[in-house]
Amino acid sequence: MADKVVVAVYKSSRKDETYLYVKKQDGLNKIPESLLTVFGEPQPVMTLVLHSEKKLARVTADQVLDAITEQGFYLQMPPPKEEYLVALPDELLCFNDPE
C-alpha cells in the first residue's frame, strides 16, 4: 500500500462504537453485503490521511492499512464488555468524593 492513504470512516447505524475504514476512492464498493446488513446504514464520520506514524485510539495505523489492502476495509469493533465493567466503578466512584 502507498505511504499515505486517504481513508473514509463510517459509523454503524446499528452497532454502537463500530466503524468501517475504507479507501476514500473505493467508498463502500468492497464491503460484503452480509456485513452491511449487520452494520446498518453507514454514516460518514470523517476523512483522514492515514500513514504508519498516525496515532489511532484502539489499533495501529498499520493494522488498518493492512486490512484495507487485504480485504478492502477495516472493521473496528467496540472494546470487550469486561473492560467497561472494570473501568466503570472507578469512574463513577470519583463523583461520590465530597472534596
N, C-alpha and C. Protein backbone atom coordinates (compact mmCIF):
# COMPACT_ATOMS: atom_id res chain seq x y z
N MET A 1 0.86 -1.18 0.00
CA MET A 1 0.00 0.00 0.00
C MET A 1 0.90 1.24 0.00
N ALA A 2 0.39 2.33 -0.53
CA ALA A 2 1.15 3.57 -0.60
C ALA A 2 1.49 4.08 0.79
N ASP A 3 2.44 5.02 0.85
CA ASP A 3 2.85 5.57 2.13
C ASP A 3 1.71 6.27 2.85
N LYS A 4 0.91 7.00 2.11
CA LYS A 4 -0.24 7.71 2.68
C LYS A 4 -1.49 7.33 1.90
N VAL A 5 -2.57 7.08 2.64
CA VAL A 5 -3.84 6.69 2.03
C VAL A 5 -4.94 7.58 2.59
N VAL A 6 -5.79 8.09 1.72
CA VAL A 6 -6.95 8.86 2.16
C VAL A 6 -8.04 7.84 2.50
N VAL A 7 -8.47 7.89 3.75
CA VAL A 7 -9.41 6.90 4.28
C VAL A 7 -10.71 7.60 4.70
N ALA A 8 -11.83 6.96 4.37
CA ALA A 8 -13.14 7.42 4.84
C ALA A 8 -13.55 6.51 5.99
N VAL A 9 -14.11 7.11 7.04
CA VAL A 9 -14.54 6.36 8.21
C VAL A 9 -16.06 6.52 8.34
N TYR A 10 -16.74 5.38 8.53
CA TYR A 10 -18.19 5.36 8.68
C TYR A 10 -18.54 4.70 10.00
N LYS A 11 -19.57 5.21 10.67
CA LYS A 11 -20.04 4.54 11.88
C LYS A 11 -21.30 3.76 11.56
N SER A 12 -21.54 2.74 12.35
CA SER A 12 -22.69 1.88 12.17
C SER A 12 -23.95 2.55 12.71
N SER A 13 -25.05 2.36 12.00
CA SER A 13 -26.33 2.86 12.48
C SER A 13 -26.99 1.85 13.43
N ARG A 14 -26.41 0.66 13.53
CA ARG A 14 -27.00 -0.40 14.36
C ARG A 14 -26.15 -0.84 15.54
N LYS A 15 -24.85 -0.68 15.44
CA LYS A 15 -23.94 -1.18 16.48
C LYS A 15 -23.12 -0.02 17.05
N ASP A 16 -23.29 0.25 18.34
CA ASP A 16 -22.51 1.31 18.98
C ASP A 16 -21.02 1.03 18.89
N GLU A 17 -20.25 2.10 18.72
CA GLU A 17 -18.78 2.05 18.70
C GLU A 17 -18.24 1.09 17.64
N THR A 18 -18.94 0.96 16.53
CA THR A 18 -18.50 0.10 15.43
C THR A 18 -18.29 0.98 14.20
N TYR A 19 -17.10 0.86 13.60
CA TYR A 19 -16.72 1.74 12.49
C TYR A 19 -16.10 0.94 11.35
N LEU A 20 -16.30 1.43 10.13
CA LEU A 20 -15.66 0.89 8.94
C LEU A 20 -14.68 1.91 8.40
N TYR A 21 -13.47 1.47 8.10
CA TYR A 21 -12.45 2.30 7.46
C TYR A 21 -12.29 1.75 6.04
N VAL A 22 -12.38 2.61 5.04
CA VAL A 22 -12.20 2.22 3.64
C VAL A 22 -11.37 3.27 2.92
N LYS A 23 -10.75 2.86 1.79
CA LYS A 23 -10.09 3.85 0.96
C LYS A 23 -11.16 4.79 0.42
N LYS A 24 -10.93 6.08 0.54
CA LYS A 24 -11.90 7.08 0.10
C LYS A 24 -12.30 6.85 -1.35
N GLN A 25 -11.32 6.56 -2.21
CA GLN A 25 -11.61 6.40 -3.64
C GLN A 25 -12.46 5.16 -3.92
N ASP A 26 -12.41 4.14 -3.06
CA ASP A 26 -13.20 2.92 -3.26
C ASP A 26 -14.60 3.04 -2.65
N GLY A 27 -14.74 3.91 -1.66
CA GLY A 27 -16.02 4.02 -0.97
C GLY A 27 -16.41 2.69 -0.35
N LEU A 28 -17.68 2.38 -0.42
CA LEU A 28 -18.20 1.16 0.21
C LEU A 28 -18.31 0.00 -0.79
N ASN A 29 -17.71 0.14 -1.96
CA ASN A 29 -17.83 -0.86 -3.02
C ASN A 29 -17.27 -2.23 -2.65
N LYS A 30 -16.30 -2.30 -1.76
CA LYS A 30 -15.66 -3.58 -1.42
C LYS A 30 -16.22 -4.20 -0.14
N ILE A 31 -17.25 -3.60 0.43
CA ILE A 31 -17.83 -4.12 1.67
C ILE A 31 -18.82 -5.23 1.32
N PRO A 32 -18.66 -6.43 1.90
CA PRO A 32 -19.62 -7.51 1.62
C PRO A 32 -21.04 -7.12 2.03
N GLU A 33 -22.01 -7.51 1.24
CA GLU A 33 -23.41 -7.20 1.52
C GLU A 33 -23.83 -7.75 2.89
N SER A 34 -23.32 -8.92 3.25
CA SER A 34 -23.67 -9.51 4.55
C SER A 34 -23.20 -8.65 5.71
N LEU A 35 -22.03 -8.02 5.55
CA LEU A 35 -21.53 -7.12 6.59
C LEU A 35 -22.39 -5.86 6.66
N LEU A 36 -22.75 -5.31 5.53
CA LEU A 36 -23.58 -4.10 5.51
C LEU A 36 -24.96 -4.37 6.11
N THR A 37 -25.48 -5.58 5.97
CA THR A 37 -26.77 -5.93 6.55
C THR A 37 -26.71 -5.83 8.07
N VAL A 38 -25.63 -6.34 8.65
CA VAL A 38 -25.46 -6.29 10.11
C VAL A 38 -25.05 -4.89 10.55
N PHE A 39 -24.20 -4.24 9.79
CA PHE A 39 -23.65 -2.92 10.12
C PHE A 39 -24.74 -1.84 10.09
N GLY A 40 -25.69 -2.00 9.17
CA GLY A 40 -26.72 -0.98 9.01
C GLY A 40 -26.27 0.09 8.03
N GLU A 41 -27.00 1.17 7.97
CA GLU A 41 -26.68 2.27 7.06
C GLU A 41 -25.39 2.96 7.52
N PRO A 42 -24.32 2.88 6.71
CA PRO A 42 -23.06 3.55 7.10
C PRO A 42 -23.24 5.06 7.15
N GLN A 43 -22.84 5.65 8.26
CA GLN A 43 -22.95 7.09 8.45
C GLN A 43 -21.55 7.69 8.42
N PRO A 44 -21.28 8.59 7.46
CA PRO A 44 -19.94 9.19 7.36
C PRO A 44 -19.55 9.91 8.66
N VAL A 45 -18.32 9.68 9.09
CA VAL A 45 -17.81 10.31 10.31
C VAL A 45 -16.70 11.29 9.97
N MET A 46 -15.72 10.82 9.19
CA MET A 46 -14.58 11.68 8.86
C MET A 46 -13.80 11.10 7.70
N THR A 47 -12.95 11.93 7.16
CA THR A 47 -11.97 11.53 6.16
C THR A 47 -10.61 11.91 6.73
N LEU A 48 -9.65 11.01 6.62
CA LEU A 48 -8.32 11.31 7.15
C LEU A 48 -7.24 10.70 6.27
N VAL A 49 -6.06 11.27 6.37
CA VAL A 49 -4.90 10.72 5.67
C VAL A 49 -4.21 9.79 6.66
N LEU A 50 -4.13 8.53 6.28
CA LEU A 50 -3.57 7.52 7.16
C LEU A 50 -2.17 7.11 6.68
N HIS A 51 -1.23 7.05 7.60
CA HIS A 51 0.14 6.63 7.32
C HIS A 51 0.68 5.95 8.57
N SER A 52 1.79 5.28 8.46
CA SER A 52 2.33 4.47 9.55
C SER A 52 2.49 5.20 10.87
N GLU A 53 2.82 6.47 10.84
CA GLU A 53 3.07 7.22 12.07
C GLU A 53 1.79 7.80 12.69
N LYS A 54 0.67 7.69 12.00
CA LYS A 54 -0.59 8.27 12.50
C LYS A 54 -1.03 7.51 13.75
N LYS A 55 -1.38 8.25 14.80
CA LYS A 55 -1.84 7.65 16.05
C LYS A 55 -3.36 7.45 16.00
N LEU A 56 -3.79 6.25 16.33
CA LEU A 56 -5.21 5.93 16.43
C LEU A 56 -5.49 5.42 17.84
N ALA A 57 -6.74 5.46 18.25
CA ALA A 57 -7.08 5.14 19.63
C ALA A 57 -6.96 3.66 19.98
N ARG A 58 -7.42 2.76 19.12
CA ARG A 58 -7.52 1.35 19.51
C ARG A 58 -6.58 0.40 18.78
N VAL A 59 -6.11 0.79 17.62
CA VAL A 59 -5.22 -0.06 16.83
C VAL A 59 -4.15 0.81 16.19
N THR A 60 -3.18 0.16 15.57
CA THR A 60 -2.17 0.94 14.87
C THR A 60 -2.66 1.26 13.46
N ALA A 61 -2.13 2.31 12.90
CA ALA A 61 -2.47 2.68 11.52
C ALA A 61 -2.07 1.56 10.57
N ASP A 62 -0.96 0.89 10.86
CA ASP A 62 -0.53 -0.22 10.00
C ASP A 62 -1.55 -1.36 9.98
N GLN A 63 -2.19 -1.64 11.11
CA GLN A 63 -3.21 -2.68 11.14
C GLN A 63 -4.39 -2.31 10.24
N VAL A 64 -4.79 -1.05 10.29
CA VAL A 64 -5.89 -0.58 9.44
C VAL A 64 -5.48 -0.65 7.98
N LEU A 65 -4.30 -0.16 7.66
CA LEU A 65 -3.83 -0.15 6.27
C LEU A 65 -3.67 -1.57 5.73
N ASP A 66 -3.16 -2.49 6.54
CA ASP A 66 -3.01 -3.88 6.11
C ASP A 66 -4.37 -4.51 5.80
N ALA A 67 -5.35 -4.28 6.67
CA ALA A 67 -6.69 -4.84 6.45
C ALA A 67 -7.32 -4.26 5.19
N ILE A 68 -7.15 -2.97 4.97
CA ILE A 68 -7.69 -2.34 3.77
C ILE A 68 -7.04 -2.94 2.52
N THR A 69 -5.74 -3.19 2.58
CA THR A 69 -5.03 -3.80 1.45
C THR A 69 -5.53 -5.22 1.20
N GLU A 70 -5.68 -5.99 2.27
CA GLU A 70 -6.04 -7.41 2.14
C GLU A 70 -7.50 -7.65 1.80
N GLN A 71 -8.41 -6.90 2.45
CA GLN A 71 -9.83 -7.19 2.26
C GLN A 71 -10.67 -6.02 1.79
N GLY A 72 -10.05 -4.85 1.66
CA GLY A 72 -10.78 -3.69 1.16
C GLY A 72 -11.40 -2.82 2.23
N PHE A 73 -11.28 -3.23 3.51
CA PHE A 73 -11.86 -2.46 4.61
C PHE A 73 -11.24 -2.91 5.92
N TYR A 74 -11.42 -2.06 6.95
CA TYR A 74 -11.07 -2.44 8.32
C TYR A 74 -12.32 -2.21 9.16
N LEU A 75 -12.73 -3.21 9.93
CA LEU A 75 -13.89 -3.11 10.79
C LEU A 75 -13.42 -2.95 12.22
N GLN A 76 -13.74 -1.80 12.84
CA GLN A 76 -13.38 -1.55 14.24
C GLN A 76 -14.58 -1.86 15.11
N MET A 77 -14.40 -2.82 15.99
CA MET A 77 -15.46 -3.23 16.92
C MET A 77 -15.28 -2.53 18.26
N PRO A 78 -16.34 -2.49 19.07
CA PRO A 78 -16.20 -1.88 20.40
C PRO A 78 -15.31 -2.75 21.29
N PRO A 79 -14.74 -2.15 22.33
CA PRO A 79 -13.91 -2.95 23.25
C PRO A 79 -14.78 -3.99 23.94
N PRO A 80 -14.17 -5.07 24.42
CA PRO A 80 -14.94 -6.11 25.13
C PRO A 80 -15.66 -5.53 26.34
N LYS A 81 -16.78 -6.10 26.67
CA LYS A 81 -17.60 -5.62 27.80
C LYS A 81 -16.84 -5.63 29.12
N GLU A 82 -15.95 -6.59 29.29
CA GLU A 82 -15.20 -6.68 30.55
C GLU A 82 -14.44 -5.39 30.85
N GLU A 83 -13.91 -4.75 29.80
CA GLU A 83 -13.18 -3.51 30.01
C GLU A 83 -14.10 -2.42 30.56
N TYR A 84 -15.33 -2.40 30.09
CA TYR A 84 -16.30 -1.43 30.61
C TYR A 84 -16.56 -1.69 32.09
N LEU A 85 -16.75 -2.95 32.45
CA LEU A 85 -17.09 -3.29 33.82
C LEU A 85 -15.94 -3.01 34.78
N VAL A 86 -14.72 -3.23 34.34
CA VAL A 86 -13.57 -2.98 35.19
C VAL A 86 -13.38 -1.48 35.39
N ALA A 87 -13.54 -0.68 34.36
CA ALA A 87 -13.29 0.75 34.44
C ALA A 87 -14.46 1.53 35.04
N LEU A 88 -15.64 1.03 34.90
CA LEU A 88 -16.82 1.77 35.31
C LEU A 88 -16.86 2.15 36.79
N PRO A 89 -16.63 1.24 37.72
CA PRO A 89 -16.75 1.63 39.13
C PRO A 89 -15.83 2.79 39.53
N ASP A 90 -14.58 2.76 39.14
CA ASP A 90 -13.67 3.85 39.50
C ASP A 90 -14.13 5.18 38.91
N GLU A 91 -14.61 5.14 37.68
CA GLU A 91 -15.09 6.36 37.04
C GLU A 91 -16.29 6.93 37.78
N LEU A 92 -17.17 6.06 38.23
CA LEU A 92 -18.36 6.52 38.93
C LEU A 92 -18.07 6.92 40.37
N LEU A 93 -17.16 6.20 41.02
CA LEU A 93 -16.85 6.49 42.42
C LEU A 93 -16.26 7.89 42.61
N CYS A 94 -15.55 8.39 41.64
CA CYS A 94 -14.96 9.71 41.78
C CYS A 94 -16.03 10.80 41.91
N PHE A 95 -17.24 10.54 41.45
CA PHE A 95 -18.31 11.52 41.56
C PHE A 95 -18.88 11.57 42.98
N ASN A 96 -18.63 10.53 43.77
CA ASN A 96 -19.12 10.48 45.13
C ASN A 96 -18.17 11.14 46.13
N ASP A 97 -17.00 11.50 45.67
CA ASP A 97 -15.99 12.11 46.52
C ASP A 97 -16.46 13.51 46.96
N PRO A 98 -16.61 13.76 48.26
CA PRO A 98 -17.13 15.06 48.73
C PRO A 98 -16.16 16.22 48.50
N GLU A 99 -14.90 15.96 48.24
CA GLU A 99 -13.91 17.04 48.09
C GLU A 99 -13.95 17.67 46.75
